[in-house]
Amino acid sequence: MTSGRYFFSLPPCWSREVFVLQVIGKELQTFLDYPPMQRGAGFNLDAVKTEMGKRMQEAEAASKGTGDTRGKTTASTQLMND
């Protein structure tokens, strides 16, 4: 008898919590059944800083006219060729 009284004394939201946990469990199972096909993208600030520094040096060299531009197409030369 005690277990019957305990069941009926549970709050009404208990059944919703059980339902939500079942839905989440089914969703998580799909990650096991169908694993991701590619690795997630990483965000590395060191790589971003290195790339930005390299591009800033290229832009500075191009603005001073000291950079080697042989074989490189810039936006302005591409517009003149079109």
C-alpha atoms as a PDB file:
ATOM      1  CA  MET A   1       0.000   0.000   0.000  1.00  0.00           C
ATOM      2  CA  THR A   2       2.820   2.378   0.727  1.00  0.00           C
ATOM      3  CA  SER A   3       4.168   2.260  -2.839  1.00  0.00           C
ATOM      4  CA  GLY A   4       0.683   3.098  -4.190  1.00  0.00           C
ATOM      5  CA  ARG A   5       0.443   6.151  -1.993  1.00  0.00           C
ATOM      6  CA  TYR A   6       3.914   7.256  -3.020  1.00  0.00           C
ATOM      7  CA  PHE A   7       3.037   7.117  -6.734  1.00  0.00           C
ATOM      8  CA  PHE A   8      -0.039   9.265  -6.281  1.00  0.00           C
ATOM      9  CA  SER A   9       1.831  11.757  -4.117  1.00  0.00           C
ATOM     10  CA  LEU A  10       4.301  12.625  -6.891  1.00  0.00           C
ATOM     11  CA  PRO A  11       3.911  16.080  -8.393  1.00  0.00           C
ATOM     12  CA  PRO A  12       2.051  16.279 -11.722  1.00  0.00           C
ATOM     13  CA  CYS A  13       5.190  17.404 -13.581  1.00  0.00           C
ATOM     14  CA  TRP A  14       6.856  14.041 -12.880  1.00  0.00           C
ATOM     15  CA  SER A  15       5.307  12.404 -15.937  1.00  0.00           C
ATOM     16  CA  ARG A  16       6.507  15.282 -18.163  1.00  0.00           C
ATOM     17  CA  GLU A  17      10.037  14.903 -16.840  1.00  0.00           C
ATOM     18  CA  VAL A  18       9.988  11.204 -17.648  1.00  0.00           C
ATOM     19  CA  PHE A  19       8.673  11.968 -21.147  1.00  0.00           C
ATOM     20  CA  VAL A  20      11.383  14.576 -21.759  1.00  0.00           C
ATOM     21  CA  LEU A  21      14.092  12.169 -20.580  1.00  0.00           C
ATOM     22  CA  GLN A  22      12.762   9.506 -22.959  1.00  0.00           C
ATOM     23  CA  VAL A  23      12.823  11.942 -25.893  1.00  0.00           C
ATOM     24  CA  ILE A  24      16.359  13.060 -25.017  1.00  0.00           C
ATOM     25  CA  GLY A  25      17.437   9.425 -24.719  1.00  0.00           C
ATOM     26  CA  LYS A  26      16.112   8.654 -28.211  1.00  0.00           C
ATOM     27  CA  GLU A  27      17.865  11.726 -29.626  1.00  0.00           C
ATOM     28  CA  LEU A  28      21.182  10.811 -27.997  1.00  0.00           C
ATOM     29  CA  GLN A  29      20.901   7.279 -29.383  1.00  0.00           C
ATOM     30  CA  THR A  30      20.957   8.724 -32.925  1.00  0.00           C
ATOM     31  CA  PHE A  31      24.466  10.067 -32.247  1.00  0.00           C
ATOM     32  CA  LEU A  32      25.589   6.502 -31.607  1.00  0.00           C
ATOM     33  CA  ASP A  33      23.701   5.089 -34.589  1.00  0.00           C
ATOM     34  CA  TYR A  34      24.805   7.826 -36.999  1.00  0.00           C
ATOM     35  CA  PRO A  35      28.110   9.356 -35.832  1.00  0.00           C
ATOM     36  CA  PRO A  36      29.293  12.653 -37.348  1.00  0.00           C
ATOM     37  CA  MET A  37      31.006  12.237 -40.724  1.00  0.00           C
ATOM     38  CA  GLN A  38      33.552  14.989 -40.190  1.00  0.00           C
ATOM     39  CA  ARG A  39      35.483  16.457 -37.330  1.00  0.00           C
ATOM     40  CA  GLY A  40      34.119  19.589 -35.738  1.00  0.00           C
ATOM     41  CA  ALA A  41      35.764  22.871 -36.661  1.00  0.00           C
ATOM     42  CA  GLY A  42      38.232  24.251 -34.184  1.00  0.00           C
ATOM     43  CA  PHE A  43      38.846  27.886 -33.410  1.00  0.00           C
ATOM     44  CA  ASN A  44      42.441  28.664 -32.623  1.00  0.00           C
ATOM     45  CA  LEU A  45      43.322  32.290 -31.876  1.00  0.00           C
ATOM     46  CA  ASP A  46      47.032  31.695 -32.451  1.00  0.00           C
ATOM     47  CA  ALA A  47      46.333  30.574 -36.015  1.00  0.00           C
ATOM     48  CA  VAL A  48      44.080  33.598 -36.565  1.00  0.00           C
ATOM     49  CA  LYS A  49      46.758  35.982 -35.238  1.00  0.00           C
ATOM     50  CA  THR A  50      49.428  34.389 -37.435  1.00  0.00           C
ATOM     51  CA  GLU A  51      47.242  34.617 -40.530  1.00  0.00           C
ATOM     52  CA  MET A  52      46.295  38.240 -39.799  1.00  0.00           C
ATOM     53  CA  GLY A  53      49.950  39.184 -39.243  1.00  0.00           C
ATOM     54  CA  LYS A  54      50.938  37.576 -42.524  1.00  0.00           C
ATOM     55  CA  ARG A  55      48.192  39.383 -44.431  1.00  0.00           C
ATOM     56  CA  MET A  56      49.025  42.704 -42.768  1.00  0.00           C
ATOM     57  CA  GLN A  57      52.663  42.341 -43.834  1.00  0.00           C
ATOM     58  CA  GLU A  58      51.578  41.522 -47.394  1.00  0.00           C
ATOM     59  CA  ALA A  59      49.274  44.551 -47.463  1.00  0.00           C
ATOM     60  CA  GLU A  60      51.994  46.816 -46.063  1.00  0.00           C
ATOM     61  CA  ALA A  61      54.515  45.562 -48.622  1.00  0.00           C
ATOM     62  CA  ALA A  62      51.997  46.032 -51.433  1.00  0.00           C
ATOM     63  CA  SER A  63      51.184  49.589 -50.326  1.00  0.00           C
ATOM     64  CA  LYS A  64      54.880  50.533 -50.251  1.00  0.00           C
ATOM     65  CA  GLY A  65      55.498  48.848 -53.564  1.00  0.00           C
ATOM     66  CA  THR A  66      58.344  46.743 -52.174  1.00  0.00           C
ATOM     67  CA  GLY A  67      56.589  43.428 -52.390  1.00  0.00           C
ATOM     68  CA  ASP A  68      57.202  40.905 -55.128  1.00  0.00           C
ATOM     69  CA  THR A  69      53.972  40.885 -57.110  1.00  0.00           C
ATOM     70  CA  ARG A  70      55.139  38.772 -60.055  1.00  0.00           C
ATOM     71  CA  GLY A  71      52.560  36.147 -60.849  1.00  0.00           C
ATOM     72  CA  LYS A  72      50.079  37.575 -58.355  1.00  0.00           C
ATOM     73  CA  THR A  73      46.804  39.076 -59.489  1.00  0.00           C
ATOM     74  CA  THR A  74      45.448  41.933 -57.433  1.00  0.00           C
ATOM     75  CA  ALA A  75      41.934  43.265 -57.597  1.00  0.00           C
ATOM     76  CA  SER A  76      43.022  46.391 -59.457  1.00  0.00           C
ATOM     77  CA  THR A  77      44.982  44.487 -62.133  1.00  0.00           C
ATOM     78  CA  GLN A  78      42.140  42.064 -62.528  1.00  0.00           C
ATOM     79  CA  LEU A  79      39.725  44.963 -63.136  1.00  0.00           C
ATOM     80  CA  MET A  80      42.063  46.478 -65.731  1.00  0.00           C
ATOM     81  CA  ASN A  81      42.359  43.147 -67.565  1.00  0.00           C
ATOM     82  CA  ASP A  82      38.574  42.661 -67.748  1.00  0.00           C
END
